[in-house]
Amino acid sequence: MLDPEEEVARKLDQVVGKRYVPAARQGVLRRAGSALARWLVGALCAVAAVATIVWVIESHRMPKDVPRRAEMPVTVTIVPAPAKAP
């Protein structure tokens, strides 16, 4: 039978592999670099999404030299409500 610590280590190796390094031992610069990379990728995706939205809106805008249709008057007929029986 395996020692409990060896069994835990074996199960941990199956899940995360033998190269697992806790965050506390990675170093501040490495963690800051990976966080900065994630922030930059997120910012790039946000800018790309906004650019796509602006492009779609601008591509569907009518040109200024196209004349607008003449507005037609709307006729409204008001019909009185029927009288209520007492």
N, C-alpha and C. Protein backbone atom coordinates (compact mmCIF):
# COMPACT_ATOMS: atom_id res chain seq x y z
N MET A 1 0.85 -1.17 0.00
CA MET A 1 0.00 0.00 0.00
C MET A 1 0.90 1.24 0.00
N LEU A 2 0.43 2.27 -0.72
CA LEU A 2 1.20 3.50 -0.83
C LEU A 2 1.04 4.37 0.40
N ASP A 3 2.06 5.14 0.64
CA ASP A 3 2.00 6.15 1.69
C ASP A 3 0.95 7.20 1.26
N PRO A 4 0.16 7.75 2.18
CA PRO A 4 -0.88 8.73 1.80
C PRO A 4 -0.31 9.92 1.03
N GLU A 5 0.87 10.38 1.38
CA GLU A 5 1.47 11.50 0.66
C GLU A 5 1.84 11.11 -0.77
N GLU A 6 2.35 9.89 -0.95
CA GLU A 6 2.70 9.42 -2.28
C GLU A 6 1.44 9.24 -3.14
N GLU A 7 0.37 8.77 -2.52
CA GLU A 7 -0.89 8.59 -3.26
C GLU A 7 -1.45 9.94 -3.70
N VAL A 8 -1.39 10.93 -2.81
CA VAL A 8 -1.85 12.27 -3.17
C VAL A 8 -0.98 12.84 -4.28
N ALA A 9 0.33 12.65 -4.19
CA ALA A 9 1.23 13.15 -5.22
C ALA A 9 0.96 12.47 -6.55
N ARG A 10 0.68 11.16 -6.53
CA ARG A 10 0.38 10.43 -7.77
C ARG A 10 -0.91 10.95 -8.40
N LYS A 11 -1.94 11.17 -7.59
CA LYS A 11 -3.21 11.69 -8.12
C LYS A 11 -3.04 13.11 -8.65
N LEU A 12 -2.24 13.92 -7.95
CA LEU A 12 -1.99 15.28 -8.41
C LEU A 12 -1.24 15.27 -9.73
N ASP A 13 -0.29 14.37 -9.89
CA ASP A 13 0.45 14.25 -11.15
C ASP A 13 -0.48 13.83 -12.29
N GLN A 14 -1.48 13.00 -12.00
CA GLN A 14 -2.42 12.60 -13.04
C GLN A 14 -3.27 13.77 -13.51
N VAL A 15 -3.59 14.68 -12.59
CA VAL A 15 -4.47 15.80 -12.92
C VAL A 15 -3.70 16.95 -13.56
N VAL A 16 -2.65 17.40 -12.92
CA VAL A 16 -1.94 18.60 -13.39
C VAL A 16 -0.58 18.31 -14.00
N GLY A 17 -0.11 17.12 -13.92
CA GLY A 17 1.20 16.79 -14.48
C GLY A 17 2.31 17.02 -13.47
N LYS A 18 3.52 16.70 -13.87
CA LYS A 18 4.66 16.80 -12.97
C LYS A 18 5.27 18.19 -12.94
N ARG A 19 4.81 19.10 -13.83
CA ARG A 19 5.41 20.42 -13.89
C ARG A 19 4.57 21.46 -13.16
N TYR A 20 3.74 21.07 -12.25
CA TYR A 20 2.90 22.01 -11.50
C TYR A 20 3.77 22.86 -10.58
N VAL A 21 3.60 24.19 -10.70
CA VAL A 21 4.32 25.12 -9.85
C VAL A 21 3.28 26.03 -9.22
N PRO A 22 3.18 26.06 -7.91
CA PRO A 22 2.20 26.95 -7.27
C PRO A 22 2.47 28.41 -7.64
N ALA A 23 1.43 29.22 -7.62
CA ALA A 23 1.55 30.62 -8.02
C ALA A 23 2.53 31.38 -7.13
N ALA A 24 2.63 30.98 -5.88
CA ALA A 24 3.53 31.69 -4.97
C ALA A 24 4.99 31.48 -5.36
N ARG A 25 5.31 30.42 -6.06
CA ARG A 25 6.70 30.14 -6.43
C ARG A 25 7.03 30.57 -7.86
N GLN A 26 6.07 31.13 -8.59
CA GLN A 26 6.33 31.51 -9.98
C GLN A 26 7.12 32.79 -10.09
N GLY A 27 6.96 33.68 -9.17
CA GLY A 27 7.66 34.95 -9.25
C GLY A 27 6.70 36.05 -9.68
N VAL A 28 6.97 37.23 -9.17
CA VAL A 28 6.09 38.36 -9.41
C VAL A 28 6.12 38.78 -10.88
N LEU A 29 7.28 38.78 -11.49
CA LEU A 29 7.38 39.22 -12.88
C LEU A 29 6.64 38.29 -13.83
N ARG A 30 6.73 37.01 -13.61
CA ARG A 30 6.05 36.06 -14.48
C ARG A 30 4.54 36.20 -14.35
N ARG A 31 4.05 36.33 -13.11
CA ARG A 31 2.61 36.50 -12.92
C ARG A 31 2.13 37.82 -13.50
N ALA A 32 2.90 38.88 -13.32
CA ALA A 32 2.52 40.19 -13.87
C ALA A 32 2.54 40.15 -15.40
N GLY A 33 3.50 39.45 -15.96
CA GLY A 33 3.58 39.35 -17.42
C GLY A 33 2.39 38.60 -17.99
N SER A 34 1.99 37.50 -17.35
CA SER A 34 0.84 36.76 -17.87
C SER A 34 -0.45 37.55 -17.67
N ALA A 35 -0.55 38.30 -16.56
CA ALA A 35 -1.74 39.13 -16.35
C ALA A 35 -1.78 40.26 -17.39
N LEU A 36 -0.64 40.85 -17.69
CA LEU A 36 -0.58 41.91 -18.69
C LEU A 36 -0.96 41.38 -20.07
N ALA A 37 -0.51 40.18 -20.37
CA ALA A 37 -0.85 39.58 -21.66
C ALA A 37 -2.36 39.35 -21.76
N ARG A 38 -2.98 38.87 -20.70
CA ARG A 38 -4.43 38.67 -20.72
C ARG A 38 -5.16 39.99 -20.88
N TRP A 39 -4.70 41.04 -20.19
CA TRP A 39 -5.33 42.36 -20.31
C TRP A 39 -5.19 42.89 -21.72
N LEU A 40 -4.04 42.72 -22.32
CA LEU A 40 -3.83 43.21 -23.69
C LEU A 40 -4.70 42.46 -24.69
N VAL A 41 -4.82 41.16 -24.53
CA VAL A 41 -5.69 40.40 -25.42
C VAL A 41 -7.15 40.83 -25.25
N GLY A 42 -7.58 41.03 -24.01
CA GLY A 42 -8.93 41.50 -23.76
C GLY A 42 -9.18 42.87 -24.34
N ALA A 43 -8.23 43.79 -24.19
CA ALA A 43 -8.38 45.14 -24.75
C ALA A 43 -8.41 45.09 -26.27
N LEU A 44 -7.58 44.24 -26.87
CA LEU A 44 -7.56 44.10 -28.32
C LEU A 44 -8.90 43.56 -28.82
N CYS A 45 -9.47 42.60 -28.13
CA CYS A 45 -10.78 42.06 -28.53
C CYS A 45 -11.86 43.12 -28.39
N ALA A 46 -11.80 43.93 -27.34
CA ALA A 46 -12.79 44.99 -27.15
C ALA A 46 -12.70 46.03 -28.26
N VAL A 47 -11.49 46.43 -28.62
CA VAL A 47 -11.31 47.41 -29.70
C VAL A 47 -11.79 46.83 -31.03
N ALA A 48 -11.51 45.56 -31.27
CA ALA A 48 -11.96 44.92 -32.51
C ALA A 48 -13.49 44.87 -32.56
N ALA A 49 -14.14 44.59 -31.43
CA ALA A 49 -15.60 44.54 -31.40
C ALA A 49 -16.19 45.91 -31.68
N VAL A 50 -15.63 46.95 -31.07
CA VAL A 50 -16.13 48.32 -31.30
C VAL A 50 -15.90 48.72 -32.75
N ALA A 51 -14.75 48.40 -33.31
CA ALA A 51 -14.46 48.74 -34.70
C ALA A 51 -15.43 48.03 -35.64
N THR A 52 -15.76 46.79 -35.34
CA THR A 52 -16.72 46.05 -36.17
C THR A 52 -18.10 46.69 -36.10
N ILE A 53 -18.53 47.09 -34.92
CA ILE A 53 -19.84 47.73 -34.77
C ILE A 53 -19.88 49.05 -35.52
N VAL A 54 -18.84 49.86 -35.40
CA VAL A 54 -18.80 51.15 -36.11
C VAL A 54 -18.78 50.91 -37.61
N TRP A 55 -18.04 49.94 -38.09
CA TRP A 55 -17.98 49.64 -39.51
C TRP A 55 -19.34 49.23 -40.04
N VAL A 56 -20.06 48.37 -39.31
CA VAL A 56 -21.39 47.93 -39.75
C VAL A 56 -22.35 49.11 -39.80
N ILE A 57 -22.33 49.96 -38.78
CA ILE A 57 -23.23 51.12 -38.77
C ILE A 57 -22.89 52.07 -39.92
N GLU A 58 -21.63 52.34 -40.13
CA GLU A 58 -21.24 53.25 -41.20
C GLU A 58 -21.51 52.68 -42.58
N SER A 59 -21.39 51.39 -42.75
CA SER A 59 -21.61 50.80 -44.07
C SER A 59 -23.10 50.77 -44.44
N HIS A 60 -23.98 50.86 -43.46
CA HIS A 60 -25.41 50.85 -43.74
C HIS A 60 -26.02 52.25 -43.73
N ARG A 61 -25.23 53.26 -43.53
CA ARG A 61 -25.72 54.63 -43.53
C ARG A 61 -25.99 55.08 -44.98
N MET A 62 -27.07 55.83 -45.16
CA MET A 62 -27.41 56.33 -46.50
C MET A 62 -26.44 57.45 -46.89
N PRO A 63 -26.07 57.50 -48.17
CA PRO A 63 -25.21 58.60 -48.61
C PRO A 63 -25.95 59.93 -48.54
N LYS A 64 -25.22 61.03 -48.37
CA LYS A 64 -25.83 62.34 -48.20
C LYS A 64 -26.42 62.87 -49.51
N ASP A 65 -25.92 62.43 -50.66
CA ASP A 65 -26.41 62.98 -51.92
C ASP A 65 -27.70 62.32 -52.40
N VAL A 66 -28.20 61.30 -51.73
CA VAL A 66 -29.47 60.67 -52.10
C VAL A 66 -30.60 61.50 -51.50
N PRO A 67 -31.54 61.98 -52.36
CA PRO A 67 -32.63 62.80 -51.83
C PRO A 67 -33.59 61.95 -50.99
N ARG A 68 -34.13 62.58 -49.96
CA ARG A 68 -35.09 61.89 -49.11
C ARG A 68 -36.46 61.90 -49.77
N ARG A 69 -37.26 60.92 -49.45
CA ARG A 69 -38.63 60.89 -49.98
C ARG A 69 -39.42 62.04 -49.37
N ALA A 70 -40.32 62.57 -50.15
CA ALA A 70 -41.17 63.64 -49.63
C ALA A 70 -42.10 63.05 -48.58
N GLU A 71 -42.22 63.75 -47.49
CA GLU A 71 -43.09 63.27 -46.43
C GLU A 71 -44.54 63.49 -46.83
N MET A 72 -45.32 62.46 -46.67
CA MET A 72 -46.74 62.53 -47.04
C MET A 72 -47.55 62.82 -45.79
N PRO A 73 -48.58 63.68 -45.94
CA PRO A 73 -49.41 63.96 -44.77
C PRO A 73 -50.21 62.72 -44.36
N VAL A 74 -50.43 62.58 -43.10
CA VAL A 74 -51.20 61.46 -42.57
C VAL A 74 -52.57 61.99 -42.14
N THR A 75 -53.61 61.36 -42.65
CA THR A 75 -54.97 61.76 -42.30
C THR A 75 -55.45 60.86 -41.17
N VAL A 76 -55.93 61.47 -40.12
CA VAL A 76 -56.43 60.73 -38.96
C VAL A 76 -57.92 61.00 -38.83
N THR A 77 -58.72 59.97 -38.77
CA THR A 77 -60.15 60.12 -38.59
C THR A 77 -60.48 59.71 -37.16
N ILE A 78 -61.05 60.61 -36.41
CA ILE A 78 -61.41 60.35 -35.03
C ILE A 78 -62.88 59.97 -34.98
N VAL A 79 -63.16 58.79 -34.53
CA VAL A 79 -64.52 58.28 -34.45
C VAL A 79 -64.93 58.33 -32.98
N PRO A 80 -66.09 58.96 -32.69
CA PRO A 80 -66.52 59.03 -31.29
C PRO A 80 -66.90 57.64 -30.77
N ALA A 81 -66.66 57.43 -29.50
CA ALA A 81 -66.99 56.14 -28.88
C ALA A 81 -68.50 56.04 -28.74
N PRO A 82 -69.03 54.82 -28.83
CA PRO A 82 -70.49 54.66 -28.67
C PRO A 82 -70.89 55.01 -27.24
N ALA A 83 -72.08 55.54 -27.12
CA ALA A 83 -72.60 55.92 -25.80
C ALA A 83 -72.88 54.68 -24.97
N LYS A 84 -72.57 54.75 -23.68
CA LYS A 84 -72.82 53.62 -22.80
C LYS A 84 -74.27 53.60 -22.37
N ALA A 85 -74.83 52.42 -22.29
CA ALA A 85 -76.23 52.30 -21.85
C ALA A 85 -76.28 52.46 -20.34
N PRO A 86 -77.30 53.21 -19.83
CA PRO A 86 -77.38 53.42 -18.37
C PRO A 86 -77.85 52.21 -17.61
